[in-house]
Amino acid sequence: MKPAILDRHPAQPARRTESGATFIELMLAVLIISTTLVASTSSMHSSAAMYHYFADGKHESLMLAQEIHEAALLLPWEPGAAAAFGEDVWDLYDLDGKYYTPPRSAEYDLVISHIGWSQTVSVKTVDLANPDVEVDPETFTGPTLVKLSVTIKEGETVVDTLSWWLSQSTQG
C-alpha cells in the first residue's frame, strides 16, 4: 500500500494575489470622472447664463418700476386723502413728474440695493378710443384710461421705460 501522501498530485505553486486594478477598471473610472466633469461644467455654464439674465439692467428696471406701479394701485384717484406715498403724494395724479433717487419701494422705503438708480414717473389721462392722445380729464367727455409710465435710469443711462394702463374701478 502506498501512503496517502504519495497519491496526491504535486501541489501547484501559489498564485500571486492581485493588488491593482485592471485596464478595464481604470478606463471605467476615467469615463465616470470625465462624464461628471462635463456635466458639472455644463451646469455651471447654464447657471452663469441664468445669473446674467436675472442680474441685467432690464430685470432690475422691471423690479424698480413695479414698485411704483404697486404704490400707484394703492393710491386714491381723487384728491383729499392724507399723504399716502411720501410727503407730497395724496392721489394717483400727484405721482406725475415725480423723480426718486435713490429709488423707492411701494411702501416708500429707500431701495438701498440700487443706489445710483432712479425712477421718474409719468401719469397721463388718455382717450380710450385712441390711447396715443393725451386728454384733459376736466374737459374731455369720452371714456378715458390712465397711462402710468416709469422710466428707470442707472446713473444717466436710461435702462427702460415701462407703462401700465389703469382704469378707475366702477365698484363701490
N, C-alpha and C. Protein backbone atom coordinates (compact mmCIF):
# COMPACT_ATOMS: atom_id res chain seq x y z
N MET A 1 0.81 -1.17 0.00
CA MET A 1 0.00 0.00 0.00
C MET A 1 0.85 1.23 0.00
N LYS A 2 0.28 2.16 -0.67
CA LYS A 2 1.01 3.42 -0.75
C LYS A 2 0.46 4.37 0.29
N PRO A 3 1.33 5.11 0.86
CA PRO A 3 0.81 6.11 1.80
C PRO A 3 -0.04 7.15 1.04
N ALA A 4 -1.00 7.75 1.75
CA ALA A 4 -1.95 8.69 1.15
C ALA A 4 -1.25 9.92 0.59
N ILE A 5 -0.16 10.25 1.16
CA ILE A 5 0.54 11.44 0.72
C ILE A 5 1.10 11.21 -0.67
N LEU A 6 1.45 10.06 -0.98
CA LEU A 6 2.03 9.77 -2.27
C LEU A 6 0.97 9.77 -3.38
N ASP A 7 -0.31 9.54 -3.04
CA ASP A 7 -1.37 9.52 -4.03
C ASP A 7 -1.70 10.92 -4.58
N ARG A 8 -1.40 11.90 -3.88
CA ARG A 8 -1.76 13.27 -4.31
C ARG A 8 -0.88 13.74 -5.42
N HIS A 9 -1.48 14.68 -6.17
CA HIS A 9 -0.69 15.33 -7.19
C HIS A 9 0.20 16.35 -6.53
N PRO A 10 1.28 16.61 -7.13
CA PRO A 10 2.14 17.62 -6.50
C PRO A 10 1.42 18.97 -6.43
N ALA A 11 1.60 19.70 -5.37
CA ALA A 11 0.91 20.98 -5.15
C ALA A 11 1.37 22.01 -6.17
N GLN A 12 0.39 22.80 -6.68
CA GLN A 12 0.67 23.87 -7.62
C GLN A 12 1.31 25.02 -6.86
N PRO A 13 2.18 25.76 -7.51
CA PRO A 13 2.72 26.93 -6.80
C PRO A 13 1.60 27.95 -6.58
N ALA A 14 1.58 28.62 -5.47
CA ALA A 14 0.51 29.60 -5.12
C ALA A 14 0.52 30.75 -6.12
N ARG A 15 -0.72 31.15 -6.53
CA ARG A 15 -0.83 32.26 -7.48
C ARG A 15 -0.59 33.56 -6.74
N ARG A 16 -0.04 34.50 -7.47
CA ARG A 16 0.15 35.83 -6.88
C ARG A 16 -1.21 36.47 -6.65
N THR A 17 -1.42 37.11 -5.53
CA THR A 17 -2.67 37.83 -5.31
C THR A 17 -2.61 39.14 -6.07
N GLU A 18 -3.77 39.52 -6.67
CA GLU A 18 -3.81 40.75 -7.46
C GLU A 18 -3.92 41.94 -6.51
N SER A 19 -3.11 42.93 -6.74
CA SER A 19 -3.12 44.09 -5.84
C SER A 19 -3.42 45.39 -6.57
N GLY A 20 -3.78 45.35 -7.83
CA GLY A 20 -4.04 46.56 -8.60
C GLY A 20 -5.36 46.46 -9.34
N ALA A 21 -5.61 47.44 -10.21
CA ALA A 21 -6.83 47.45 -10.99
C ALA A 21 -6.50 47.05 -12.42
N THR A 22 -7.46 46.46 -13.04
CA THR A 22 -7.26 46.07 -14.43
C THR A 22 -7.40 47.30 -15.32
N PHE A 23 -6.99 47.15 -16.54
CA PHE A 23 -7.09 48.24 -17.50
C PHE A 23 -8.55 48.65 -17.72
N ILE A 24 -9.45 47.70 -17.77
CA ILE A 24 -10.89 47.99 -17.96
C ILE A 24 -11.40 48.80 -16.77
N GLU A 25 -11.03 48.44 -15.57
CA GLU A 25 -11.48 49.19 -14.38
C GLU A 25 -10.97 50.63 -14.42
N LEU A 26 -9.75 50.81 -14.85
CA LEU A 26 -9.19 52.16 -14.96
C LEU A 26 -9.94 52.96 -16.02
N MET A 27 -10.26 52.36 -17.13
CA MET A 27 -10.99 53.07 -18.19
C MET A 27 -12.39 53.45 -17.72
N LEU A 28 -13.05 52.59 -16.98
CA LEU A 28 -14.38 52.92 -16.42
C LEU A 28 -14.28 54.10 -15.45
N ALA A 29 -13.27 54.12 -14.62
CA ALA A 29 -13.09 55.22 -13.67
C ALA A 29 -12.86 56.54 -14.41
N VAL A 30 -12.04 56.52 -15.45
CA VAL A 30 -11.79 57.72 -16.25
C VAL A 30 -13.08 58.17 -16.93
N LEU A 31 -13.87 57.25 -17.44
CA LEU A 31 -15.14 57.58 -18.08
C LEU A 31 -16.11 58.24 -17.09
N ILE A 32 -16.22 57.71 -15.91
CA ILE A 32 -17.13 58.27 -14.89
C ILE A 32 -16.67 59.67 -14.47
N ILE A 33 -15.40 59.84 -14.23
CA ILE A 33 -14.88 61.15 -13.81
C ILE A 33 -15.05 62.18 -14.92
N SER A 34 -14.75 61.81 -16.16
CA SER A 34 -14.88 62.78 -17.26
C SER A 34 -16.34 63.14 -17.50
N THR A 35 -17.25 62.19 -17.40
CA THR A 35 -18.67 62.49 -17.55
C THR A 35 -19.14 63.44 -16.46
N THR A 36 -18.71 63.23 -15.26
CA THR A 36 -19.06 64.12 -14.14
C THR A 36 -18.52 65.53 -14.38
N LEU A 37 -17.30 65.65 -14.85
CA LEU A 37 -16.73 66.97 -15.14
C LEU A 37 -17.48 67.69 -16.25
N VAL A 38 -17.83 66.98 -17.30
CA VAL A 38 -18.58 67.59 -18.40
C VAL A 38 -19.94 68.06 -17.91
N ALA A 39 -20.61 67.23 -17.15
CA ALA A 39 -21.95 67.60 -16.64
C ALA A 39 -21.87 68.80 -15.71
N SER A 40 -20.89 68.83 -14.82
CA SER A 40 -20.79 69.96 -13.89
C SER A 40 -20.39 71.24 -14.61
N THR A 41 -19.53 71.15 -15.61
CA THR A 41 -19.15 72.34 -16.38
C THR A 41 -20.36 72.90 -17.13
N SER A 42 -21.14 72.01 -17.72
CA SER A 42 -22.34 72.43 -18.43
C SER A 42 -23.33 73.07 -17.46
N SER A 43 -23.47 72.50 -16.28
CA SER A 43 -24.39 73.04 -15.28
C SER A 43 -23.93 74.42 -14.81
N MET A 44 -22.63 74.58 -14.60
CA MET A 44 -22.11 75.88 -14.16
C MET A 44 -22.31 76.92 -15.26
N HIS A 45 -22.15 76.54 -16.51
CA HIS A 45 -22.35 77.48 -17.61
C HIS A 45 -23.80 77.95 -17.68
N SER A 46 -24.75 77.02 -17.54
CA SER A 46 -26.15 77.42 -17.59
C SER A 46 -26.53 78.23 -16.36
N SER A 47 -25.93 77.95 -15.20
CA SER A 47 -26.19 78.76 -14.00
C SER A 47 -25.67 80.18 -14.20
N ALA A 48 -24.52 80.31 -14.80
CA ALA A 48 -23.98 81.64 -15.06
C ALA A 48 -24.85 82.40 -16.05
N ALA A 49 -25.38 81.72 -17.04
CA ALA A 49 -26.26 82.36 -18.01
C ALA A 49 -27.54 82.84 -17.33
N MET A 50 -28.10 82.03 -16.43
CA MET A 50 -29.30 82.44 -15.69
C MET A 50 -28.99 83.63 -14.79
N TYR A 51 -27.83 83.63 -14.14
CA TYR A 51 -27.46 84.76 -13.29
C TYR A 51 -27.42 86.04 -14.11
N HIS A 52 -26.80 85.97 -15.29
CA HIS A 52 -26.72 87.17 -16.12
C HIS A 52 -28.09 87.63 -16.60
N TYR A 53 -29.01 86.67 -16.83
CA TYR A 53 -30.36 87.06 -17.23
C TYR A 53 -31.04 87.84 -16.12
N PHE A 54 -30.92 87.34 -14.88
CA PHE A 54 -31.62 88.00 -13.78
C PHE A 54 -30.88 89.20 -13.24
N ALA A 55 -29.61 89.34 -13.52
CA ALA A 55 -28.84 90.45 -12.98
C ALA A 55 -28.67 91.59 -13.96
N ASP A 56 -29.20 91.45 -15.16
CA ASP A 56 -29.02 92.52 -16.12
C ASP A 56 -29.94 93.70 -15.80
N GLY A 57 -29.72 94.80 -16.46
CA GLY A 57 -30.45 96.02 -16.17
C GLY A 57 -31.93 95.94 -16.43
N LYS A 58 -32.36 95.17 -17.44
CA LYS A 58 -33.78 95.09 -17.77
C LYS A 58 -34.57 94.46 -16.62
N HIS A 59 -34.04 93.42 -16.04
CA HIS A 59 -34.74 92.78 -14.93
C HIS A 59 -34.78 93.70 -13.71
N GLU A 60 -33.68 94.35 -13.44
CA GLU A 60 -33.61 95.28 -12.31
C GLU A 60 -34.59 96.44 -12.52
N SER A 61 -34.66 96.96 -13.74
CA SER A 61 -35.56 98.09 -14.00
C SER A 61 -37.02 97.66 -13.87
N LEU A 62 -37.34 96.46 -14.29
CA LEU A 62 -38.70 95.95 -14.13
C LEU A 62 -39.08 95.92 -12.65
N MET A 63 -38.17 95.42 -11.82
CA MET A 63 -38.44 95.36 -10.39
C MET A 63 -38.69 96.76 -9.82
N LEU A 64 -37.86 97.72 -10.17
CA LEU A 64 -38.00 99.09 -9.64
C LEU A 64 -39.27 99.76 -10.17
N ALA A 65 -39.62 99.52 -11.42
CA ALA A 65 -40.84 100.10 -11.98
C ALA A 65 -42.07 99.48 -11.33
N GLN A 66 -42.03 98.20 -11.05
CA GLN A 66 -43.16 97.54 -10.40
C GLN A 66 -43.41 98.09 -8.99
N GLU A 67 -42.37 98.55 -8.32
CA GLU A 67 -42.56 99.16 -7.00
C GLU A 67 -43.46 100.40 -7.11
N ILE A 68 -43.20 101.24 -8.12
CA ILE A 68 -44.04 102.44 -8.32
C ILE A 68 -45.45 102.02 -8.74
N HIS A 69 -45.55 101.02 -9.60
CA HIS A 69 -46.86 100.54 -10.04
C HIS A 69 -47.68 100.06 -8.85
N GLU A 70 -47.08 99.29 -7.95
CA GLU A 70 -47.79 98.81 -6.77
C GLU A 70 -48.24 99.97 -5.89
N ALA A 71 -47.39 100.96 -5.74
CA ALA A 71 -47.77 102.13 -4.94
C ALA A 71 -48.94 102.86 -5.60
N ALA A 72 -48.90 102.99 -6.94
CA ALA A 72 -49.96 103.69 -7.66
C ALA A 72 -51.30 102.99 -7.50
N LEU A 73 -51.29 101.67 -7.48
CA LEU A 73 -52.54 100.93 -7.33
C LEU A 73 -53.19 101.16 -5.97
N LEU A 74 -52.40 101.52 -4.99
CA LEU A 74 -52.93 101.75 -3.64
C LEU A 74 -53.39 103.19 -3.42
N LEU A 75 -53.02 104.09 -4.32
CA LEU A 75 -53.39 105.50 -4.15
C LEU A 75 -54.83 105.76 -4.57
N PRO A 76 -55.49 106.71 -3.88
CA PRO A 76 -56.84 107.09 -4.33
C PRO A 76 -56.76 107.87 -5.64
N TRP A 77 -57.86 107.89 -6.40
CA TRP A 77 -57.91 108.62 -7.67
C TRP A 77 -58.30 110.07 -7.47
N GLU A 78 -58.97 110.37 -6.39
CA GLU A 78 -59.44 111.73 -6.13
C GLU A 78 -58.63 112.36 -5.02
N PRO A 79 -58.37 113.67 -5.10
CA PRO A 79 -57.62 114.34 -4.02
C PRO A 79 -58.46 114.41 -2.74
N GLY A 80 -57.78 114.65 -1.65
CA GLY A 80 -58.46 114.83 -0.39
C GLY A 80 -58.03 113.85 0.68
N ALA A 81 -57.29 112.84 0.34
CA ALA A 81 -56.83 111.87 1.33
C ALA A 81 -55.51 112.34 1.95
N ALA A 82 -55.15 111.74 3.04
CA ALA A 82 -53.87 112.05 3.68
C ALA A 82 -52.74 111.53 2.78
N ALA A 83 -51.57 112.09 2.96
CA ALA A 83 -50.42 111.68 2.14
C ALA A 83 -50.24 110.16 2.23
N ALA A 84 -50.17 109.53 1.06
CA ALA A 84 -50.12 108.08 1.03
C ALA A 84 -48.79 107.55 0.51
N PHE A 85 -48.02 108.37 -0.20
CA PHE A 85 -46.74 107.91 -0.75
C PHE A 85 -45.76 109.06 -0.62
N GLY A 86 -45.10 109.13 0.50
CA GLY A 86 -44.18 110.23 0.76
C GLY A 86 -44.91 111.43 1.31
N GLU A 87 -44.24 112.56 1.31
CA GLU A 87 -44.77 113.77 1.92
C GLU A 87 -45.75 114.53 1.02
N ASP A 88 -45.66 114.35 -0.29
CA ASP A 88 -46.45 115.21 -1.18
C ASP A 88 -47.24 114.46 -2.24
N VAL A 89 -47.53 113.20 -2.01
CA VAL A 89 -48.34 112.44 -2.95
C VAL A 89 -49.60 111.98 -2.22
N TRP A 90 -50.73 112.61 -2.59
CA TRP A 90 -52.01 112.30 -1.94
C TRP A 90 -52.91 111.44 -2.81
N ASP A 91 -52.75 111.52 -4.11
CA ASP A 91 -53.56 110.71 -5.02
C ASP A 91 -52.70 110.29 -6.22
N LEU A 92 -53.30 109.51 -7.08
CA LEU A 92 -52.58 108.96 -8.23
C LEU A 92 -51.94 110.04 -9.10
N TYR A 93 -52.65 111.12 -9.33
CA TYR A 93 -52.15 112.16 -10.24
C TYR A 93 -50.99 112.96 -9.65
N ASP A 94 -50.83 112.91 -8.32
CA ASP A 94 -49.69 113.58 -7.69
C ASP A 94 -48.37 112.89 -8.02
N LEU A 95 -48.42 111.67 -8.49
CA LEU A 95 -47.19 110.96 -8.88
C LEU A 95 -46.58 111.55 -10.16
N ASP A 96 -47.39 112.24 -10.98
CA ASP A 96 -46.91 112.74 -12.26
C ASP A 96 -45.72 113.67 -12.07
N GLY A 97 -44.63 113.35 -12.75
CA GLY A 97 -43.43 114.17 -12.71
C GLY A 97 -42.51 113.90 -11.54
N LYS A 98 -42.86 112.97 -10.67
CA LYS A 98 -42.00 112.67 -9.51
C LYS A 98 -40.74 111.96 -9.96
N TYR A 99 -39.66 112.29 -9.26
CA TYR A 99 -38.34 111.73 -9.55
C TYR A 99 -37.79 111.23 -8.23
N TYR A 100 -37.47 109.94 -8.17
CA TYR A 100 -36.98 109.34 -6.93
C TYR A 100 -35.58 108.79 -7.15
N THR A 101 -34.64 109.35 -6.43
CA THR A 101 -33.28 108.83 -6.41
C THR A 101 -32.72 109.00 -5.00
N PRO A 102 -32.34 107.99 -4.31
CA PRO A 102 -32.40 106.59 -4.69
C PRO A 102 -33.86 106.14 -4.87
N PRO A 103 -34.05 105.01 -5.54
CA PRO A 103 -35.40 104.54 -5.82
C PRO A 103 -36.19 104.24 -4.55
N ARG A 104 -37.51 104.20 -4.71
CA ARG A 104 -38.41 103.92 -3.58
C ARG A 104 -39.15 102.61 -3.82
N SER A 105 -39.47 101.95 -2.71
CA SER A 105 -40.32 100.75 -2.78
C SER A 105 -41.78 101.18 -2.74
N ALA A 106 -42.68 100.23 -2.86
CA ALA A 106 -44.11 100.53 -2.83
C ALA A 106 -44.53 101.10 -1.47
N GLU A 107 -43.75 100.82 -0.44
CA GLU A 107 -44.03 101.37 0.90
C GLU A 107 -43.28 102.67 1.16
N TYR A 108 -42.66 103.23 0.14
CA TYR A 108 -41.87 104.47 0.18
C TYR A 108 -40.55 104.30 0.92
N ASP A 109 -40.09 103.08 1.11
CA ASP A 109 -38.78 102.85 1.71
C ASP A 109 -37.71 103.03 0.64
N LEU A 110 -36.51 103.42 1.07
CA LEU A 110 -35.39 103.50 0.12
C LEU A 110 -34.99 102.11 -0.33
N VAL A 111 -34.71 101.97 -1.60
CA VAL A 111 -34.20 100.70 -2.13
C VAL A 111 -32.68 100.85 -2.17
N ILE A 112 -32.05 100.55 -1.04
CA ILE A 112 -30.62 100.83 -0.90
C ILE A 112 -29.74 99.91 -1.73
N SER A 113 -30.31 98.81 -2.23
CA SER A 113 -29.52 97.93 -3.09
C SER A 113 -29.30 98.54 -4.47
N HIS A 114 -29.98 99.67 -4.76
CA HIS A 114 -29.87 100.28 -6.08
C HIS A 114 -29.52 101.77 -5.98
N ILE A 115 -28.62 102.09 -5.10
CA ILE A 115 -28.13 103.46 -5.02
C ILE A 115 -27.50 103.79 -6.38
N GLY A 116 -27.79 104.95 -6.91
CA GLY A 116 -27.29 105.30 -8.24
C GLY A 116 -28.34 105.09 -9.32
N TRP A 117 -29.44 104.44 -8.98
CA TRP A 117 -30.55 104.25 -9.91
C TRP A 117 -31.61 105.30 -9.59
N SER A 118 -32.54 105.55 -10.54
CA SER A 118 -33.62 106.49 -10.29
C SER A 118 -34.90 106.05 -10.98
N GLN A 119 -36.02 106.57 -10.46
CA GLN A 119 -37.34 106.31 -11.04
C GLN A 119 -37.97 107.66 -11.37
N THR A 120 -38.43 107.83 -12.59
CA THR A 120 -39.17 109.03 -12.99
C THR A 120 -40.56 108.58 -13.41
N VAL A 121 -41.58 109.23 -12.84
CA VAL A 121 -42.96 108.77 -13.04
C VAL A 121 -43.72 109.75 -13.92
N SER A 122 -44.56 109.19 -14.79
CA SER A 122 -45.46 109.98 -15.64
C SER A 122 -46.86 109.39 -15.51
N VAL A 123 -47.84 110.25 -15.23
CA VAL A 123 -49.24 109.83 -15.15
C VAL A 123 -50.02 110.70 -16.13
N LYS A 124 -50.56 110.10 -17.16
CA LYS A 124 -51.28 110.83 -18.21
C LYS A 124 -52.67 110.23 -18.40
N THR A 125 -53.66 111.08 -18.62
CA THR A 125 -55.00 110.63 -18.96
C THR A 125 -55.10 110.61 -20.48
N VAL A 126 -55.56 109.49 -21.03
CA VAL A 126 -55.63 109.32 -22.47
C VAL A 126 -57.03 108.90 -22.90
N ASP A 127 -57.34 109.17 -24.16
CA ASP A 127 -58.61 108.78 -24.75
C ASP A 127 -58.64 107.26 -24.91
N LEU A 128 -59.69 106.62 -24.41
CA LEU A 128 -59.80 105.17 -24.51
C LEU A 128 -59.84 104.71 -25.97
N ALA A 129 -60.49 105.47 -26.83
CA ALA A 129 -60.59 105.11 -28.24
C ALA A 129 -59.28 105.30 -28.98
N ASN A 130 -58.42 106.22 -28.50
CA ASN A 130 -57.14 106.49 -29.12
C ASN A 130 -56.11 106.75 -28.02
N PRO A 131 -55.52 105.68 -27.47
CA PRO A 131 -54.64 105.83 -26.30
C PRO A 131 -53.37 106.64 -26.55
N ASP A 132 -53.08 106.99 -27.80
CA ASP A 132 -51.91 107.83 -28.07
C ASP A 132 -52.20 109.30 -27.84
N VAL A 133 -53.46 109.65 -27.62
CA VAL A 133 -53.86 111.04 -27.46
C VAL A 133 -54.10 111.35 -25.98
N GLU A 134 -53.29 112.27 -25.45
CA GLU A 134 -53.49 112.70 -24.07
C GLU A 134 -54.65 113.70 -24.04
N VAL A 135 -55.52 113.57 -23.02
CA VAL A 135 -56.69 114.45 -22.90
C VAL A 135 -56.73 115.08 -21.52
N ASP A 136 -57.47 116.17 -21.41
CA ASP A 136 -57.69 116.84 -20.13
C ASP A 136 -58.92 116.19 -19.49
N PRO A 137 -58.76 115.54 -18.35
CA PRO A 137 -59.90 114.85 -17.74
C PRO A 137 -61.01 115.81 -17.30
N GLU A 138 -60.68 117.08 -17.13
CA GLU A 138 -61.70 118.06 -16.71
C GLU A 138 -62.63 118.43 -17.87
N THR A 139 -62.15 118.40 -19.09
CA THR A 139 -62.96 118.84 -20.22
C THR A 139 -63.36 117.72 -21.17
N PHE A 140 -62.63 116.62 -21.17
CA PHE A 140 -62.92 115.52 -22.09
C PHE A 140 -64.11 114.74 -21.58
N THR A 141 -65.07 114.45 -22.45
CA THR A 141 -66.31 113.79 -22.02
C THR A 141 -66.35 112.30 -22.35
N GLY A 142 -65.43 111.82 -23.16
CA GLY A 142 -65.42 110.41 -23.54
C GLY A 142 -64.76 109.54 -22.48
N PRO A 143 -64.80 108.22 -22.70
CA PRO A 143 -64.14 107.30 -21.75
C PRO A 143 -62.62 107.45 -21.83
N THR A 144 -61.98 107.31 -20.67
CA THR A 144 -60.53 107.52 -20.60
C THR A 144 -59.84 106.36 -19.89
N LEU A 145 -58.55 106.33 -20.06
CA LEU A 145 -57.64 105.45 -19.32
C LEU A 145 -56.55 106.33 -18.73
N VAL A 146 -55.86 105.80 -17.76
CA VAL A 146 -54.69 106.47 -17.23
C VAL A 146 -53.47 105.64 -17.61
N LYS A 147 -52.49 106.30 -18.20
CA LYS A 147 -51.24 105.63 -18.57
C LYS A 147 -50.18 105.99 -17.53
N LEU A 148 -49.75 104.99 -16.79
CA LEU A 148 -48.68 105.16 -15.80
C LEU A 148 -47.39 104.67 -16.43
N SER A 149 -46.41 105.55 -16.55
CA SER A 149 -45.11 105.17 -17.11
C SER A 149 -44.03 105.46 -16.08
N VAL A 150 -43.08 104.55 -16.00
CA VAL A 150 -41.96 104.71 -15.08
C VAL A 150 -40.68 104.51 -15.88
N THR A 151 -39.84 105.55 -15.89
CA THR A 151 -38.54 105.46 -16.57
C THR A 151 -37.48 105.19 -15.51
N ILE A 152 -36.69 104.15 -15.75
CA ILE A 152 -35.65 103.75 -14.81
C ILE A 152 -34.29 104.09 -15.43
N LYS A 153 -33.47 104.77 -14.64
CA LYS A 153 -32.11 105.09 -15.08
C LYS A 153 -31.10 104.50 -14.11
N GLU A 154 -29.98 104.09 -14.68
CA GLU A 154 -28.82 103.74 -13.87
C GLU A 154 -27.79 104.82 -14.15
N GLY A 155 -27.62 105.70 -13.17
CA GLY A 155 -26.81 106.89 -13.41
C GLY A 155 -27.55 107.78 -14.38
N GLU A 156 -26.92 108.12 -15.50
CA GLU A 156 -27.56 108.96 -16.52
C GLU A 156 -28.10 108.13 -17.69
N THR A 157 -27.92 106.82 -17.63
CA THR A 157 -28.33 105.95 -18.73
C THR A 157 -29.75 105.42 -18.49
N VAL A 158 -30.63 105.65 -19.47
CA VAL A 158 -31.97 105.10 -19.38
C VAL A 158 -31.89 103.60 -19.63
N VAL A 159 -32.33 102.82 -18.64
CA VAL A 159 -32.31 101.37 -18.76
C VAL A 159 -33.59 100.89 -19.43
N ASP A 160 -34.73 101.43 -19.00
CA ASP A 160 -36.00 101.00 -19.59
C ASP A 160 -37.10 101.96 -19.15
N THR A 161 -38.17 101.99 -19.93
CA THR A 161 -39.40 102.69 -19.56
C THR A 161 -40.52 101.69 -19.66
N LEU A 162 -41.24 101.51 -18.57
CA LEU A 162 -42.35 100.56 -18.53
C LEU A 162 -43.64 101.31 -18.29
N SER A 163 -44.71 100.83 -18.91
CA SER A 163 -46.00 101.50 -18.81
C SER A 163 -47.11 100.52 -18.49
N TRP A 164 -48.14 101.03 -17.79
CA TRP A 164 -49.33 100.27 -17.47
C TRP A 164 -50.54 101.12 -17.77
N TRP A 165 -51.63 100.47 -18.19
CA TRP A 165 -52.91 101.15 -18.37
C TRP A 165 -53.71 100.92 -17.10
N LEU A 166 -54.23 101.99 -16.54
CA LEU A 166 -55.05 101.89 -15.33
C LEU A 166 -56.44 102.43 -15.62
N SER A 167 -57.43 101.80 -15.04
CA SER A 167 -58.80 102.33 -15.15
C SER A 167 -59.40 102.34 -13.76
N GLN A 168 -60.15 103.37 -13.50
CA GLN A 168 -60.74 103.53 -12.18
C GLN A 168 -61.84 102.50 -12.00
N SER A 169 -61.86 101.89 -10.84
CA SER A 169 -62.86 100.88 -10.54
C SER A 169 -64.25 101.51 -10.49
N THR A 170 -65.23 100.83 -11.06
CA THR A 170 -66.60 101.34 -11.02
C THR A 170 -67.38 100.73 -9.86
N GLN A 171 -66.75 99.81 -9.12
CA GLN A 171 -67.41 99.20 -7.99
C GLN A 171 -67.18 100.03 -6.75
N GLY A 172 -68.15 100.12 -5.90
CA GLY A 172 -68.04 100.94 -4.71
C GLY A 172 -67.61 100.25 -3.50
